[in-house]
Amino acid sequence: MEMKTAFLPAFIQSYFIALGVLVGGALIGGFGAFLSGEPPLTMMYRFASSLKIWALIAAIGGTFDTFYSMERGFFQGETRDVIKQFLLILSATGGAQTGMTFIRWFTQEHGA
């Protein structure tokens, strides 16, 4: 049974989950690259670029509930659900972008 959480805590958690997945994954991946003889900072940047979409998926729950809520909002006229889901996705995108910015600052990579 899934408990419904209030919107504001879910909004904040979405941001920080995406941030944590991206930064944590890149740091641990960089450590693994160091252990295997690869350049750790370059690999951290590459890992962060690859993890960005997965950070978004993890932050919104990794299920189809978001898409179901969007569908219900569009086809049953519940626009409040559409707006909430859009804001949660926007929050997760902001967290992933912040994480990417941290990794860029740390590694001094200037990729596009």
Protein backbone atom coordinates (compact mmCIF):
# COMPACT_ATOMS: atom_id res chain seq x y z
CA MET A 1 0.00 0.00 0.00
CA GLU A 2 1.44 3.35 -1.04
CA MET A 3 1.04 6.39 1.18
CA LYS A 4 0.34 9.72 -0.44
CA THR A 5 2.83 12.40 0.55
CA ALA A 6 2.13 16.09 0.58
CA PHE A 7 3.23 17.99 -2.48
CA LEU A 8 5.90 20.26 -0.96
CA PRO A 9 7.89 17.45 0.70
CA ALA A 10 7.69 15.42 -2.53
CA PHE A 11 8.87 18.47 -4.50
CA ILE A 12 11.90 18.96 -2.24
CA GLN A 13 12.70 15.25 -2.10
CA SER A 14 12.53 14.99 -5.88
CA TYR A 15 15.19 17.68 -6.21
CA PHE A 16 17.56 16.12 -3.71
CA ILE A 17 17.09 12.54 -4.89
CA ALA A 18 18.10 13.55 -8.42
CA LEU A 19 21.04 15.55 -7.05
CA GLY A 20 22.18 12.65 -4.87
CA VAL A 21 21.91 10.03 -7.59
CA LEU A 22 23.95 12.11 -10.01
CA VAL A 23 26.67 13.31 -7.64
CA GLY A 24 26.91 10.03 -5.73
CA GLY A 25 27.01 7.92 -8.87
CA ALA A 26 29.67 10.10 -10.45
CA LEU A 27 31.85 10.11 -7.31
CA ILE A 28 31.65 6.36 -6.80
CA GLY A 29 32.19 5.78 -10.52
CA GLY A 30 35.23 8.07 -10.41
CA PHE A 31 36.64 6.02 -7.55
CA GLY A 32 36.12 2.86 -9.59
CA ALA A 33 37.85 4.49 -12.55
CA PHE A 34 40.79 5.37 -10.31
CA LEU A 35 41.05 1.77 -9.12
CA SER A 36 41.03 0.50 -12.71
CA GLY A 37 43.67 2.96 -13.92
CA GLU A 38 41.36 5.31 -15.86
CA PRO A 39 41.47 9.11 -15.44
CA PRO A 40 39.02 9.61 -12.55
CA LEU A 41 37.96 13.22 -13.17
CA THR A 42 37.28 12.69 -16.86
CA MET A 43 35.35 9.52 -16.10
CA MET A 44 33.36 11.29 -13.37
CA TYR A 45 32.18 13.83 -15.93
CA ARG A 46 31.26 11.09 -18.40
CA PHE A 47 29.42 9.12 -15.72
CA ALA A 48 27.49 12.21 -14.64
CA SER A 49 26.45 12.86 -18.24
CA SER A 50 25.21 9.29 -18.58
CA LEU A 51 23.45 9.25 -15.20
CA LYS A 52 21.41 12.41 -15.77
CA ILE A 53 18.34 10.64 -17.19
CA TRP A 54 18.54 7.92 -14.53
CA ALA A 55 18.61 10.55 -11.80
CA LEU A 56 15.35 11.95 -13.19
CA ILE A 57 13.76 8.51 -13.32
CA ALA A 58 14.84 7.70 -9.76
CA ALA A 59 13.55 11.04 -8.48
CA ILE A 60 10.05 10.67 -9.93
CA GLY A 61 9.78 7.17 -8.55
CA GLY A 62 10.85 5.04 -11.46
CA THR A 63 7.29 3.87 -12.08
CA PHE A 64 4.48 4.70 -14.42
CA ASP A 65 2.51 6.52 -11.70
CA THR A 66 3.66 9.85 -13.09
CA PHE A 67 2.42 9.00 -16.55
CA TYR A 68 -0.84 7.62 -15.17
CA SER A 69 -1.42 10.88 -13.28
CA MET A 70 -0.69 12.88 -16.43
CA GLU A 71 -3.10 10.73 -18.43
CA ARG A 72 -5.81 11.12 -15.80
CA GLY A 73 -5.22 14.86 -15.80
CA PHE A 74 -5.53 15.17 -19.56
CA PHE A 75 -8.42 12.79 -20.19
CA GLN A 76 -10.45 13.24 -17.01
CA GLY A 77 -9.94 16.97 -16.67
CA GLU A 78 -7.89 16.89 -13.46
CA THR A 79 -5.45 19.63 -14.35
CA ARG A 80 -4.16 19.88 -10.79
CA ASP A 81 -2.50 16.44 -11.17
CA VAL A 82 -0.88 17.48 -14.45
CA ILE A 83 0.56 20.62 -12.89
CA LYS A 84 1.84 18.71 -9.83
CA GLN A 85 3.54 16.07 -11.97
CA PHE A 86 5.07 18.72 -14.22
CA LEU A 87 6.47 20.53 -11.17
CA LEU A 88 7.89 17.29 -9.75
CA ILE A 89 9.63 16.56 -13.05
CA LEU A 90 10.89 20.15 -13.15
CA SER A 91 12.24 19.79 -9.61
CA ALA A 92 14.03 16.54 -10.51
CA THR A 93 15.47 18.19 -13.61
CA GLY A 94 16.75 21.06 -11.46
CA GLY A 95 18.40 18.62 -9.06
CA ALA A 96 20.09 16.73 -11.89
CA GLN A 97 21.26 19.99 -13.47
CA THR A 98 22.64 21.21 -10.12
CA GLY A 99 24.49 17.91 -9.72
CA MET A 100 25.90 18.23 -13.22
CA THR A 101 27.07 21.75 -12.40
CA PHE A 102 28.81 20.50 -9.24
CA ILE A 103 30.58 17.78 -11.22
CA ARG A 104 31.62 20.30 -13.91
CA TRP A 105 33.06 22.58 -11.23
CA PHE A 106 34.86 19.72 -9.54
CA THR A 107 36.30 18.16 -12.69
CA GLN A 108 36.85 21.41 -14.63
CA GLU A 109 35.38 19.76 -17.75
CA HIS A 110 33.70 22.11 -20.20
CA GLY A 111 31.52 19.76 -22.24
CA ALA A 112 28.46 20.95 -24.10
